[in-house]
Protein backbone atom coordinates (compact mmCIF):
# COMPACT_ATOMS: atom_id res chain seq x y z
CA MET A 1 -0.04 -0.34 0.19
CA LYS A 2 1.57 3.06 -1.45
CA LYS A 3 1.86 5.79 1.67
CA ILE A 4 1.37 9.84 1.05
CA LEU A 5 2.18 12.33 3.09
CA PHE A 6 0.82 16.00 3.03
CA VAL A 7 3.19 18.57 4.56
CA CYS A 8 2.53 22.54 5.21
CA LEU A 9 3.66 24.72 8.26
CA GLY A 10 1.56 24.28 10.61
CA ASN A 11 -0.79 21.65 10.34
CA ILE A 12 -4.00 23.30 11.07
CA CYS A 13 -5.28 24.25 7.45
CA ARG A 14 -3.71 23.33 4.74
CA SER A 15 -2.23 19.80 5.01
CA PRO A 16 -5.55 18.09 6.39
CA LEU A 17 -7.60 19.47 4.16
CA ALA A 18 -5.44 17.85 1.31
CA GLU A 19 -5.46 14.78 4.06
CA GLY A 20 -9.12 15.12 4.12
CA ILE A 21 -9.51 15.38 0.28
CA ALA A 22 -7.48 12.58 -0.43
CA ARG A 23 -9.45 10.38 2.12
CA LYS A 24 -12.59 10.95 0.38
CA TYR A 25 -10.89 10.50 -3.06
CA ILE A 26 -9.74 7.27 -2.11
CA GLN A 27 -12.85 5.89 -0.41
CA ASN A 28 -14.81 7.19 -3.34
CA ASN A 29 -12.51 5.63 -5.85
CA ASN A 30 -11.71 2.17 -3.95
CA LEU A 31 -8.27 2.53 -3.71
CA GLU A 32 -5.32 1.05 -1.55
CA TYR A 33 -3.51 4.06 0.07
CA HIS A 34 -2.41 5.09 3.47
CA VAL A 35 -2.72 9.30 3.80
CA ASP A 36 -1.81 11.28 6.68
CA SER A 37 -0.57 14.95 7.37
CA CYS A 38 1.70 17.11 9.24
CA GLY A 39 3.51 20.11 9.55
CA THR A 40 7.16 21.26 9.96
CA GLY A 41 6.52 23.32 12.96
CA GLU A 42 5.90 22.82 16.17
CA TRP A 43 3.53 25.38 16.79
CA HIS A 44 0.50 23.81 16.77
CA VAL A 45 1.36 20.01 17.83
CA GLY A 46 -1.90 18.81 19.61
CA GLU A 47 -4.43 21.19 18.19
CA PRO A 48 -7.38 20.75 15.73
CA PRO A 49 -7.65 22.82 12.45
CA CYS A 50 -8.67 26.25 12.85
CA ALA A 51 -11.81 26.73 12.63
CA ASP A 52 -12.15 28.04 8.83
CA ALA A 53 -10.38 25.03 7.64
CA ILE A 54 -13.36 22.82 9.50
CA LYS A 55 -15.48 24.94 8.12
CA VAL A 56 -14.58 24.99 4.68
CA ALA A 57 -14.04 21.19 4.64
CA GLN A 58 -17.61 20.94 6.01
CA MET A 59 -18.73 22.90 2.99
CA HIS A 60 -17.70 20.07 0.49
CA GLY A 61 -19.06 17.33 3.11
CA LEU A 62 -15.75 16.56 4.62
CA ASP A 63 -14.77 16.45 8.82
CA ILE A 64 -11.78 16.73 9.62
CA SER A 65 -12.49 18.12 12.99
CA THR A 66 -11.06 14.95 14.97
CA HIS A 67 -6.84 15.48 13.41
CA ARG A 68 -4.88 16.75 15.47
CA ALA A 69 -1.52 18.70 14.44
CA ARG A 70 1.80 16.91 14.32
CA GLN A 71 5.56 17.88 13.34
CA ILE A 72 7.19 15.85 11.19
CA THR A 73 9.73 13.36 11.95
CA GLN A 74 13.02 11.48 10.31
CA ASN A 75 10.60 8.44 10.86
CA ASP A 76 8.03 9.68 8.19
CA CYS A 77 10.96 10.31 5.70
CA THR A 78 11.73 7.04 5.62
CA VAL A 79 8.14 5.43 5.58
CA PHE A 80 6.08 7.71 3.33
CA ASP A 81 6.50 6.83 -0.24
CA MET A 82 5.60 9.85 -1.10
CA ILE A 83 5.93 13.39 0.51
CA VAL A 84 3.88 16.08 -0.60
CA ALA A 85 4.60 20.08 0.30
CA LEU A 86 2.26 22.28 0.23
CA ASP A 87 5.01 24.99 -1.00
CA GLY A 88 8.22 25.53 -1.62
CA ASN A 89 9.32 26.37 1.88
CA ASN A 90 7.73 23.22 2.91
CA MET A 91 9.83 21.50 0.02
CA ALA A 92 12.82 23.66 1.38
CA SER A 93 12.40 22.58 5.03
CA LEU A 94 11.86 18.81 3.73
CA ILE A 95 15.24 18.67 2.07
CA GLN A 96 17.24 20.48 5.15
CA MET A 97 15.41 17.64 7.18
CA GLY A 98 16.99 15.14 5.38
CA CYS A 99 13.99 13.66 3.62
CA GLN A 100 15.28 11.97 0.65
CA GLN A 101 14.59 14.69 -2.70
CA ASP A 102 12.98 12.29 -5.26
CA LYS A 103 10.24 11.20 -2.01
CA ILE A 104 9.07 14.86 -2.14
CA VAL A 105 7.03 16.71 -4.45
CA LYS A 106 5.13 20.36 -4.42
CA LEU A 107 1.30 19.62 -4.45
CA GLY A 108 1.17 22.41 -6.92
CA ALA A 109 2.79 20.63 -9.90
CA PHE A 110 -0.68 18.54 -10.24
CA GLY A 111 -2.83 21.14 -11.72
CA ARG A 112 -1.28 24.46 -10.86
CA ASN A 113 1.27 25.17 -12.99
CA ASN A 114 3.96 24.12 -9.92
CA GLU A 115 2.08 26.99 -8.09
CA ASP A 116 2.79 26.97 -4.17
CA VAL A 117 -0.45 26.45 -2.25
CA PRO A 118 -0.86 30.22 -0.08
CA ASP A 119 -1.37 30.11 3.26
CA PRO A 120 -5.28 30.87 3.57
CA TYR A 121 -4.40 33.56 6.56
CA PHE A 122 -2.78 35.77 4.29
CA PHE A 123 -6.40 36.60 2.36
CA ASP A 124 -8.57 38.47 3.91
CA GLY A 125 -11.68 36.67 5.20
CA PHE A 126 -12.93 32.86 4.45
CA ASP A 127 -12.81 33.45 1.29
CA GLY A 128 -9.14 32.73 0.95
CA PHE A 129 -9.71 29.19 2.81
CA GLU A 130 -12.60 28.52 -0.11
CA TYR A 131 -9.59 29.72 -2.75
CA VAL A 132 -7.25 27.27 -0.81
CA TYR A 133 -9.69 24.02 -0.71
CA GLU A 134 -10.37 24.38 -4.54
CA MET A 135 -6.74 24.55 -5.58
CA ILE A 136 -5.96 21.86 -3.40
CA GLU A 137 -8.70 19.73 -3.97
CA GLU A 138 -7.33 19.87 -7.86
CA CYS A 139 -4.18 19.31 -7.31
CA VAL A 140 -4.72 16.03 -4.68
CA GLU A 141 -7.47 14.78 -7.18
CA ASN A 142 -5.17 14.84 -9.84
CA LEU A 143 -2.18 13.58 -8.07
CA LEU A 144 -3.50 10.33 -6.77
CA SER A 145 -5.67 9.61 -10.52
CA THR A 146 -1.88 10.12 -11.90
CA GLN A 147 -0.97 7.33 -8.97
CA GLU A 148 -3.81 5.37 -10.08
CA ALA A 149 -2.27 5.06 -13.65
CA LEU A 150 1.30 4.13 -12.26
């Protein structure tokens, strides 16, 4: 079973959304993948996703409220087959901590011309969360459908 890890900075909005979207896609398509998410930083370890991430997920039929943030470990770099960074800074952090570069991909490479998935906190209001959700959904579904073909 292929193991995919989604990584953002704090693991309270972007990567839990990616994990939730992936779980739904995997279930709907009867796929055999293990997915998880984490952050490169330690600030939010043990916390649930932020309220707006939970809200946008619920609006799209997902419940990510039971997720608890965690920080990436060296073991994650070993056990996961693919490590999906949500932006270039996350990618650089993963490389710096010694994760195998050939396991690391940027989510934006799967539908958004390799764009970074922006942190929704840098937008004014809830619209940023909806925009980021739609971007993540497109890219996660493209990533998983690409993996199905392999």
